[in-house]
Protein backbone atom coordinates (compact mmCIF):
# COMPACT_ATOMS: atom_id res chain seq x y z
CA MET A 1 121.12 224.36 216.75
CA ARG A 2 122.43 225.68 220.03
CA ASP A 3 122.53 223.12 222.82
CA PRO A 4 119.83 224.23 225.33
CA ASN A 5 121.95 222.76 228.12
CA ALA A 6 125.07 224.75 227.24
CA ARG A 7 126.18 227.45 229.66
CA LEU A 8 124.81 230.95 229.13
CA LEU A 9 126.87 233.72 230.68
CA LEU A 10 125.37 237.18 231.17
CA PRO A 11 128.18 239.66 231.92
CA ARG A 12 127.46 241.74 235.01
CA ARG A 13 128.22 245.10 233.42
CA GLU A 14 126.14 244.35 230.33
CA ILE A 15 123.14 243.60 232.55
CA LEU A 16 123.70 246.81 234.50
CA ARG A 17 123.96 248.86 231.32
CA HIS A 18 120.79 247.50 229.73
CA SER A 19 118.66 247.30 232.85
CA CYS A 20 116.94 250.31 234.37
CA LEU A 21 118.79 252.49 236.84
CA GLY A 22 118.07 252.53 240.54
CA PHE A 23 117.70 249.87 243.17
CA GLY A 24 115.36 247.74 241.08
CA GLY A 25 117.89 247.48 238.28
CA LEU A 26 120.70 246.78 240.70
CA ALA A 27 118.69 244.06 242.42
CA LEU A 28 117.91 242.46 239.04
CA ALA A 29 121.56 242.63 238.07
CA SER A 30 122.56 241.08 241.38
CA LEU A 31 120.07 238.26 240.87
CA PHE A 32 121.38 237.46 237.38
CA SER A 33 124.94 237.67 238.63
CA ARG A 34 124.28 235.11 241.37
CA GLU A 35 122.48 232.81 238.96
CA GLY A 36 125.31 233.06 236.45
CA ALA A 37 127.90 232.31 239.11
CA ALA A 38 125.96 229.31 240.35
CA GLN A 39 125.57 227.99 236.83
CA SER A 40 129.28 228.41 236.07
CA LEU A 41 130.19 226.38 239.15
CA ALA A 42 127.71 223.55 238.55
CA PRO A 43 129.15 220.44 236.85
CA HIS A 44 126.99 218.40 234.50
CA HIS A 45 127.36 215.27 236.64
CA ALA A 46 129.15 214.02 239.74
CA ALA A 47 132.84 214.82 239.49
CA ARG A 48 135.77 212.60 240.45
CA ALA A 49 138.23 215.50 240.35
CA LYS A 50 138.09 219.14 241.37
CA ARG A 51 141.37 220.33 239.91
CA VAL A 52 144.18 219.42 237.50
CA ILE A 53 147.98 219.54 237.64
CA PHE A 54 149.42 219.07 234.15
CA LEU A 55 153.11 218.08 234.01
CA PHE A 56 154.07 218.86 230.42
CA MET A 57 157.28 217.36 229.03
CA HIS A 58 157.94 219.65 226.09
CA GLY A 59 159.75 218.01 223.20
CA GLY A 60 158.32 214.51 223.27
CA PRO A 61 159.69 211.86 225.68
CA SER A 62 160.31 208.46 224.16
CA GLN A 63 157.62 205.99 225.23
CA ILE A 64 159.82 202.99 224.39
CA ASP A 65 162.57 204.26 226.69
CA THR A 66 160.37 205.19 229.66
CA PHE A 67 157.12 203.26 230.23
CA ASP A 68 156.38 201.12 227.13
CA TYR A 69 158.67 198.06 227.32
CA LYS A 70 159.25 196.31 224.00
CA PRO A 71 161.26 193.06 224.23
CA LEU A 72 161.28 192.60 220.43
CA LEU A 73 162.85 196.03 220.00
CA GLN A 74 165.68 194.90 222.26
CA ARG A 75 166.04 191.63 220.35
CA ASP A 76 165.98 193.16 216.87
CA ASP A 77 168.33 196.08 217.45
CA GLY A 78 169.87 197.21 214.16
CA LYS A 79 167.41 195.36 211.93
CA PRO A 80 164.99 197.06 209.51
CA PHE A 81 161.52 197.86 210.84
CA PRO A 82 159.34 194.93 209.66
CA GLY A 83 156.27 197.04 208.91
CA ASP A 84 155.44 200.14 206.89
CA LYS A 85 156.75 203.43 208.16
CA PRO A 86 154.31 206.38 208.16
CA ARG A 87 153.67 207.99 204.79
CA ILE A 88 154.65 211.35 206.28
CA GLN A 89 157.69 211.50 208.52
CA PHE A 90 159.27 214.51 210.13
CA ALA A 91 162.70 213.19 209.10
CA GLN A 92 164.14 209.98 207.67
CA THR A 93 164.88 207.15 210.07
CA GLY A 94 167.08 204.09 209.72
CA ASN A 95 166.95 200.70 211.43
CA LEU A 96 165.55 199.73 214.82
CA LEU A 97 167.31 201.15 217.87
CA ALA A 98 167.09 199.20 221.13
CA SER A 99 166.49 201.15 224.31
CA PRO A 100 169.76 201.97 226.12
CA TRP A 101 168.00 201.46 229.47
CA LYS A 102 166.89 198.37 231.33
CA PHE A 103 163.25 197.90 232.26
CA ALA A 104 161.92 196.26 235.41
CA GLN A 105 158.50 195.58 236.93
CA HIS A 106 157.47 197.62 239.95
CA GLY A 107 154.77 197.72 242.58
CA GLU A 108 152.07 195.20 243.28
CA SER A 109 150.74 195.84 239.78
CA GLY A 110 154.02 194.87 238.14
CA GLN A 111 154.10 197.86 235.79
CA TRP A 112 157.16 198.12 233.57
CA VAL A 113 159.30 201.23 234.04
CA SER A 114 162.78 201.92 232.70
CA GLU A 115 165.68 202.84 234.96
CA LEU A 116 165.25 206.44 233.79
CA PHE A 117 162.49 206.92 236.42
CA PRO A 118 163.50 205.11 239.63
CA ASN A 119 161.56 207.49 241.90
CA VAL A 120 158.37 207.59 239.84
CA ALA A 121 158.60 203.77 239.64
CA ARG A 122 157.93 203.62 243.40
CA HIS A 123 154.48 205.12 242.73
CA VAL A 124 153.31 202.97 239.81
CA ASP A 125 150.41 201.61 241.84
CA LYS A 126 149.02 205.16 241.83
CA LEU A 127 149.47 205.62 238.07
CA CYS A 128 147.03 204.91 235.27
CA PHE A 129 148.94 204.51 232.01
CA VAL A 130 147.48 205.13 228.56
CA LYS A 131 149.87 203.38 226.17
CA SER A 132 147.88 203.86 222.97
CA LEU A 133 147.52 207.63 222.68
CA HIS A 134 147.78 209.00 219.16
CA GLY A 135 147.51 212.28 217.31
CA THR A 136 147.98 213.48 213.75
CA ASN A 137 150.75 216.06 213.64
CA GLU A 138 154.47 215.27 213.38
CA ALA A 139 155.62 218.85 214.08
CA HIS A 140 156.06 220.32 217.57
CA GLY A 141 153.88 223.37 216.90
CA GLY A 142 150.87 221.48 215.61
CA ALA A 143 151.25 218.69 218.18
CA LEU A 144 151.46 221.16 221.08
CA LEU A 145 148.35 222.97 219.91
CA ALA A 146 146.48 219.68 219.51
CA LEU A 147 147.38 218.52 223.01
CA HIS A 148 146.60 221.88 224.60
CA THR A 149 143.62 223.06 222.53
CA GLY A 150 142.27 220.09 220.56
CA SER A 151 143.19 221.65 217.20
CA ASP A 152 146.53 221.58 215.40
CA THR A 153 145.57 224.08 212.70
CA PHE A 154 143.36 226.77 214.27
CA VAL A 155 143.56 229.04 217.30
CA ARG A 156 141.20 227.52 219.84
CA PRO A 157 140.70 227.88 223.62
CA SER A 158 143.13 225.83 225.67
CA MET A 159 142.13 222.88 227.81
CA GLY A 160 142.69 224.90 230.99
CA SER A 161 140.51 227.73 229.69
CA TRP A 162 137.66 225.35 228.84
CA ILE A 163 137.84 223.82 232.30
CA VAL A 164 137.77 227.18 234.09
CA TYR A 165 134.99 228.36 231.75
CA GLY A 166 132.97 225.30 232.72
CA LEU A 167 133.67 225.23 236.46
CA GLY A 168 134.98 228.63 237.49
CA SER A 169 137.64 229.08 240.15
CA GLU A 170 137.49 227.95 243.77
CA ASN A 171 139.20 231.19 244.86
CA GLU A 172 137.99 234.51 243.44
CA ASN A 173 141.23 236.17 244.53
CA LEU A 174 143.45 233.96 242.36
CA PRO A 175 143.30 233.03 238.66
CA GLY A 176 141.49 229.82 237.86
CA PHE A 177 144.21 228.78 235.40
CA VAL A 178 147.95 229.25 236.03
CA THR A 179 150.81 228.09 233.82
CA ILE A 180 154.31 228.05 235.34
CA CYS A 181 157.30 228.76 233.08
CA PRO A 182 155.35 228.06 229.87
CA THR A 183 157.02 227.78 226.50
CA LEU A 184 157.06 230.83 224.26
CA GLY A 185 157.68 228.71 221.16
CA HIS A 186 155.66 226.14 219.20
CA GLY A 187 152.45 228.13 219.47
CA GLY A 188 153.47 230.06 222.56
CA VAL A 189 150.58 231.91 224.18
CA ASN A 190 148.06 230.04 222.01
CA ASN A 191 148.73 226.98 224.18
CA TRP A 192 147.26 228.73 227.22
CA SER A 193 144.99 231.23 225.48
CA SER A 194 141.25 231.53 225.99
CA ALA A 195 140.91 232.43 222.26
CA PHE A 196 137.26 233.36 221.74
CA LEU A 197 136.17 232.40 225.28
CA PRO A 198 135.84 235.36 227.67
CA GLY A 199 139.29 236.72 228.42
CA ARG A 200 139.07 236.07 232.16
CA HIS A 201 139.50 232.36 231.42
CA GLN A 202 142.94 232.77 229.85
CA GLY A 203 145.89 231.16 231.57
CA THR A 204 147.96 233.42 233.81
CA PRO A 205 151.68 232.80 233.14
CA ILE A 206 154.18 232.86 235.98
CA GLY A 207 157.49 233.50 234.28
CA HIS A 208 158.33 231.70 231.05
CA ALA A 209 160.57 228.91 229.81
CA GLY A 210 163.50 231.26 229.34
CA ILE A 211 164.01 231.90 233.05
CA ALA A 212 164.55 229.77 236.14
CA ALA A 213 161.51 228.87 238.23
CA ARG A 214 162.99 230.68 241.25
CA ASP A 215 162.85 233.91 239.20
CA ALA A 216 159.33 233.30 237.90
CA LYS A 217 157.02 235.72 239.65
CA LEU A 218 153.76 237.53 239.18
CA MET A 219 154.79 241.15 238.77
CA HIS A 220 153.58 244.09 240.88
CA LEU A 221 152.02 242.00 243.62
CA SER A 222 153.86 243.56 246.54
CA ARG A 223 153.18 247.18 247.37
CA PRO A 224 154.55 249.56 250.00
CA ASP A 225 152.46 250.27 253.08
CA GLY A 226 149.85 252.91 252.42
CA ARG A 227 149.40 252.07 248.74
CA ASP A 228 146.11 250.24 249.30
CA ASP A 229 143.86 253.32 249.40
CA LEU A 230 145.70 254.95 246.53
CA GLU A 231 145.47 251.88 244.30
CA ARG A 232 141.78 251.48 245.11
CA ALA A 233 141.22 255.11 244.14
CA GLU A 234 143.16 254.59 240.91
CA LEU A 235 141.03 251.58 240.01
CA GLU A 236 137.81 253.46 240.74
CA PHE A 237 138.98 256.33 238.55
CA LEU A 238 139.87 253.87 235.78
CA ASP A 239 136.46 252.24 236.15
CA ARG A 240 134.72 255.61 235.70
CA GLN A 241 136.76 256.27 232.56
CA ASN A 242 135.88 252.83 231.23
CA GLU A 243 132.21 253.50 231.92
CA VAL A 244 132.37 256.62 229.74
CA HIS A 245 134.04 254.54 227.02
CA ARG A 246 131.52 251.73 227.42
CA SER A 247 128.36 253.83 227.49
CA ALA A 248 128.70 254.80 223.84
CA ARG A 249 129.30 251.25 222.62
CA GLU A 250 127.75 247.83 222.53
CA TYR A 251 129.06 245.15 224.90
CA ASP A 252 132.86 244.89 224.53
CA ALA A 253 134.16 241.53 225.74
CA ALA A 254 137.81 242.64 225.52
CA LEU A 255 137.11 245.68 227.70
CA GLU A 256 135.20 243.57 230.22
CA ALA A 257 138.10 241.12 230.42
CA ARG A 258 140.57 243.97 230.88
CA ILE A 259 138.54 245.45 233.73
CA ALA A 260 138.21 242.04 235.36
CA SER A 261 141.98 241.54 235.11
CA PHE A 262 142.61 244.85 236.91
CA GLU A 263 140.22 243.90 239.68
CA LEU A 264 141.71 240.41 240.03
CA ALA A 265 145.25 241.80 240.10
CA TYR A 266 144.23 244.10 242.96
CA ARG A 267 142.75 241.22 244.97
CA MET A 268 145.71 238.96 244.22
CA GLN A 269 148.10 241.23 246.09
CA THR A 270 147.09 239.65 249.38
CA GLN A 271 146.47 236.07 248.21
CA ALA A 272 149.12 235.31 245.59
CA PRO A 273 152.39 236.02 247.44
CA PRO A 274 151.77 233.48 250.23
CA ALA A 275 150.40 230.94 247.74
CA LEU A 276 153.58 231.12 245.66
CA ASP A 277 156.08 231.33 248.52
CA VAL A 278 157.65 227.86 248.69
CA GLU A 279 160.03 229.12 251.38
CA ARG A 280 157.11 228.75 253.81
CA GLU A 281 157.32 224.98 253.42
CA SER A 282 159.14 222.80 255.95
CA GLU A 283 162.64 221.60 255.17
CA PRO A 284 161.49 217.95 254.79
CA THR A 285 158.86 219.03 252.26
CA ARG A 286 161.35 221.10 250.29
CA GLU A 287 163.73 218.14 250.36
CA LEU A 288 160.95 215.85 249.11
CA TYR A 289 160.75 217.92 245.91
CA GLY A 290 164.53 218.10 245.53
CA LEU A 291 164.92 221.84 246.12
CA SER A 292 168.36 221.42 247.68
CA ASP A 293 169.75 219.67 244.58
CA PRO A 294 170.69 221.96 241.66
CA THR A 295 169.64 219.22 239.22
CA THR A 296 166.07 218.94 240.52
CA GLU A 297 165.55 222.37 242.08
CA ASN A 298 164.04 224.05 239.02
CA PHE A 299 161.28 221.56 238.20
CA GLY A 300 160.88 220.71 241.88
CA ARG A 301 160.05 224.35 242.56
CA GLN A 302 157.42 224.28 239.81
CA CYS A 303 155.82 221.14 241.27
CA LEU A 304 155.77 222.55 244.79
CA MET A 305 154.26 225.81 243.55
CA ALA A 306 151.61 223.76 241.76
CA ARG A 307 150.67 221.92 244.94
CA ARG A 308 150.43 225.20 246.86
CA LEU A 309 148.31 226.80 244.14
CA VAL A 310 145.77 223.96 243.99
CA GLU A 311 145.57 224.07 247.79
CA HIS A 312 144.63 227.75 247.45
CA GLY A 313 141.83 226.98 245.01
CA VAL A 314 143.43 227.31 241.57
CA ARG A 315 141.53 224.98 239.25
CA PHE A 316 144.18 224.17 236.62
CA VAL A 317 147.96 224.43 237.02
CA GLN A 318 150.50 223.53 234.35
CA CYS A 319 154.21 222.91 234.97
CA THR A 320 156.40 222.80 231.86
CA HIS A 321 159.76 221.08 231.48
CA SER A 322 160.78 222.95 228.38
CA TYR A 323 162.13 222.42 225.69
CA LYS A 324 164.34 219.44 226.43
CA TRP A 325 162.95 216.10 225.27
CA ASP A 326 163.56 216.44 221.51
CA GLN A 327 166.38 213.93 221.10
CA HIS A 328 167.00 213.47 217.38
CA SER A 329 170.52 212.49 218.44
CA ASN A 330 172.34 211.83 221.73
CA LEU A 331 169.27 210.05 223.11
CA LYS A 332 171.10 208.37 225.97
CA VAL A 333 172.89 211.45 227.28
CA ASP A 334 170.00 213.89 226.98
CA HIS A 335 167.09 211.68 228.06
CA GLU A 336 169.10 210.72 231.16
CA LYS A 337 169.71 214.39 231.97
CA ASN A 338 166.04 215.26 231.45
CA ALA A 339 164.77 212.39 233.57
CA ARG A 340 167.11 213.26 236.44
CA GLU A 341 165.67 216.78 236.46
CA VAL A 342 162.02 215.69 236.78
CA ASP A 343 161.95 212.19 238.32
CA ARG A 344 162.41 213.17 241.97
CA PRO A 345 160.12 216.25 241.82
CA ILE A 346 157.29 214.27 240.20
CA ALA A 347 157.60 211.48 242.76
CA GLY A 348 157.66 214.10 245.51
CA LEU A 349 154.49 215.72 244.16
CA LEU A 350 152.65 212.38 244.04
CA GLU A 351 153.74 211.51 247.58
CA ASP A 352 152.86 214.97 248.91
CA LEU A 353 149.42 215.05 247.29
CA HIS A 354 148.69 211.55 248.60
CA SER A 355 149.80 212.32 252.16
CA ARG A 356 147.61 215.45 252.25
CA GLY A 357 144.55 213.66 250.91
CA LEU A 358 144.59 215.82 247.77
CA LEU A 359 145.24 213.03 245.28
CA ARG A 360 141.70 211.71 245.73
CA ASP A 361 140.21 214.70 243.89
CA THR A 362 143.22 216.07 242.01
CA LEU A 363 143.98 214.81 238.51
CA VAL A 364 147.70 214.68 237.75
CA LEU A 365 148.50 214.39 234.05
CA TRP A 366 152.00 213.61 232.68
CA ALA A 367 152.40 213.96 228.92
CA GLY A 368 154.50 215.19 226.04
CA GLU A 369 153.12 216.36 222.71
CA PHE A 370 154.07 213.04 221.05
CA GLY A 371 156.41 210.09 221.45
CA ARG A 372 159.41 208.95 219.46
CA THR A 373 160.21 206.39 216.77
CA PRO A 374 161.63 202.91 217.42
CA CYS A 375 163.95 203.45 214.46
CA ALA A 376 167.10 205.49 214.80
CA GLN A 377 167.76 208.96 213.51
CA ASP A 378 171.43 209.95 213.13
CA GLY A 379 172.34 206.56 214.57
CA ASN A 380 171.73 207.44 218.23
CA GLY A 381 168.49 209.44 218.35
CA ARG A 382 164.80 209.09 217.64
CA ASP A 383 162.44 211.13 215.47
CA HIS A 384 158.97 212.49 216.30
CA ASN A 385 156.16 209.94 216.58
CA PRO A 386 152.52 211.02 217.03
CA HIS A 387 151.15 207.62 215.98
CA GLY A 388 151.49 205.84 219.32
CA PHE A 389 152.83 207.04 222.65
CA THR A 390 152.35 206.84 226.39
CA ILE A 391 150.97 209.27 228.94
CA TRP A 392 149.91 208.62 232.52
CA MET A 393 147.41 210.08 234.95
CA ALA A 394 147.00 209.73 238.70
CA GLY A 395 144.33 210.46 241.29
CA ALA A 396 140.72 211.43 240.55
CA GLY A 397 139.27 207.94 240.99
CA LEU A 398 141.32 206.38 238.21
CA LYS A 399 142.61 202.80 238.29
CA GLY A 400 146.01 202.77 239.94
CA GLY A 401 148.64 200.39 238.59
CA HIS A 402 146.68 200.03 235.35
CA SER A 403 147.76 200.07 231.71
CA HIS A 404 145.24 200.78 228.97
CA GLY A 405 145.89 200.03 225.32
CA ALA A 406 149.08 199.05 223.55
CA THR A 407 151.32 199.90 220.64
CA ASP A 408 152.64 197.35 218.15
CA ASP A 409 155.55 195.04 219.02
CA TYR A 410 158.09 197.79 218.35
CA GLY A 411 156.17 200.77 219.75
CA TRP A 412 155.49 202.78 216.61
CA TYR A 413 151.70 202.64 216.16
CA ALA A 414 148.85 202.53 218.65
CA SER A 415 147.23 199.19 217.90
CA VAL A 416 145.05 198.04 220.81
CA ASP A 417 142.30 200.13 222.44
CA LYS A 418 143.49 203.29 220.70
CA VAL A 419 142.92 206.63 222.45
CA HIS A 420 142.90 209.80 220.37
CA ILE A 421 143.78 213.16 221.91
CA HIS A 422 140.09 214.10 221.60
CA ASP A 423 139.30 211.02 223.72
CA LEU A 424 141.84 212.13 226.33
CA HIS A 425 140.24 215.58 226.50
CA ALA A 426 136.73 214.09 226.74
CA THR A 427 137.91 211.88 229.61
CA ILE A 428 139.58 214.73 231.50
CA LEU A 429 136.42 216.83 231.25
CA ASP A 430 134.29 213.88 232.35
CA LEU A 431 136.48 213.35 235.44
CA LEU A 432 135.81 217.00 236.33
CA GLY A 433 132.06 216.53 235.97
CA LEU A 434 131.80 218.13 232.52
CA ASP A 435 130.12 216.58 229.49
CA HIS A 436 132.40 217.38 226.55
CA GLU A 437 129.42 217.46 224.18
CA ARG A 438 127.53 219.98 226.33
CA LEU A 439 130.44 222.25 227.21
CA THR A 440 130.03 224.53 224.20
CA TYR A 441 130.50 228.17 223.27
CA ARG A 442 128.89 229.92 220.31
CA HIS A 443 131.36 231.82 218.18
CA ALA A 444 131.24 232.95 214.54
CA GLY A 445 127.88 231.31 213.98
CA ARG A 446 128.58 227.84 215.35
CA ASP A 447 129.00 226.04 218.65
CA PHE A 448 132.56 225.07 219.53
CA ARG A 449 133.89 222.61 222.07
CA LEU A 450 137.29 221.29 223.17
CA THR A 451 136.73 217.97 221.39
CA ASP A 452 135.36 219.54 218.19
CA VAL A 453 132.98 216.89 216.76
CA ALA A 454 134.76 213.83 218.14
CA GLY A 455 135.86 212.38 221.47
CA ARG A 456 134.93 209.35 223.56
CA VAL A 457 135.18 209.13 227.34
CA VAL A 458 137.54 206.25 228.16
CA ARG A 459 135.64 204.84 231.13
CA GLU A 460 137.85 201.76 231.18
CA LEU A 461 140.34 203.92 233.11
CA TYR A 462 137.94 204.45 236.03
CA ALA A 463 138.21 202.49 239.26
């Protein structure tokens, strides 16, 4: 049965088409439009966060080399794993491999962080670690889809699309969901797709993983002087043609989404360029994100763009460090290179958000699609491990300097206070004021939600 509390959206043009013509019909349509907008912007309960910045480490960082310190792994280097390995493995692994990096405790909370992240380590008292996350898929494609959409086997709306569907955007002249330099592999657009949700909730990509962040732009946003009237006339002509097309058909969600995208693109021409222009920032701010260093400039630019976008009212922004963390061999060389590229920008983002008062109601999420095995692959690498890995969050009224859950003594399996990806999604929605069981959408004869038929809000993370 359909949840009576679920959102009901009545598209503006459908109301206009089915209502009577004239001022009475227009007034009725206006009334429904206002009510629909108010409903789409009303959370189910008091929210701790208004917006999300998702820092996605594509490839799967190793939890046991970054934030999940395992003394027994160091002691038993080279010995066989004392437990049972998973029945299904992505590839064969050998004996235990100690972390090549030293760990130390940081902050008043004494959180353990490896020397891979010296700058992030200075902010551990802001971070809330989940060290018992687990999923079900050993392959990048399925694991990416699970993390982004809640399903590793079907095309489903992405997390960002669900959030914008539930809350709307805080700026009608910018997309509610932006993804910067997203991956085109391992599911590609399905990781930021709205799937069967209305198309206006789909993520708007800025560039893609194959180009540098400095070259990632929204196309056709700048126009020569005098184009404004002409473009407005072109859109009005296109709208009249669409009305002819629409009048002979039932409601067409794809057409409505296309029309909305044209209108948004027109409005974005004044709002988007300044929001994306990091050159407007002061030199100290640019230096904070590492824009003067070729090693950190690329991801630093993404992080700074993200901060500017959330300041301008974008609800969900994703930055992707792609596709670099998949170290089946050469773990030490490549993980060090990857960490150098993101450590300073992430620390800069946390410091900048905090100094501007934005961290209070901004949720920052750092995660890969899975972790890595404590046993070696090819002697000096680690294989995929979805059975137990670490992510962290910051801001949004979460406990700073806190660790939730644990893996076993060697870091392979989540073993204490386990958190499934559905639980993570339920918690993120709850922080934004959305009940994951009520945020539903009817499609193909059933109600769907981000957490499918599972999910538990992990309230132990809340301050």
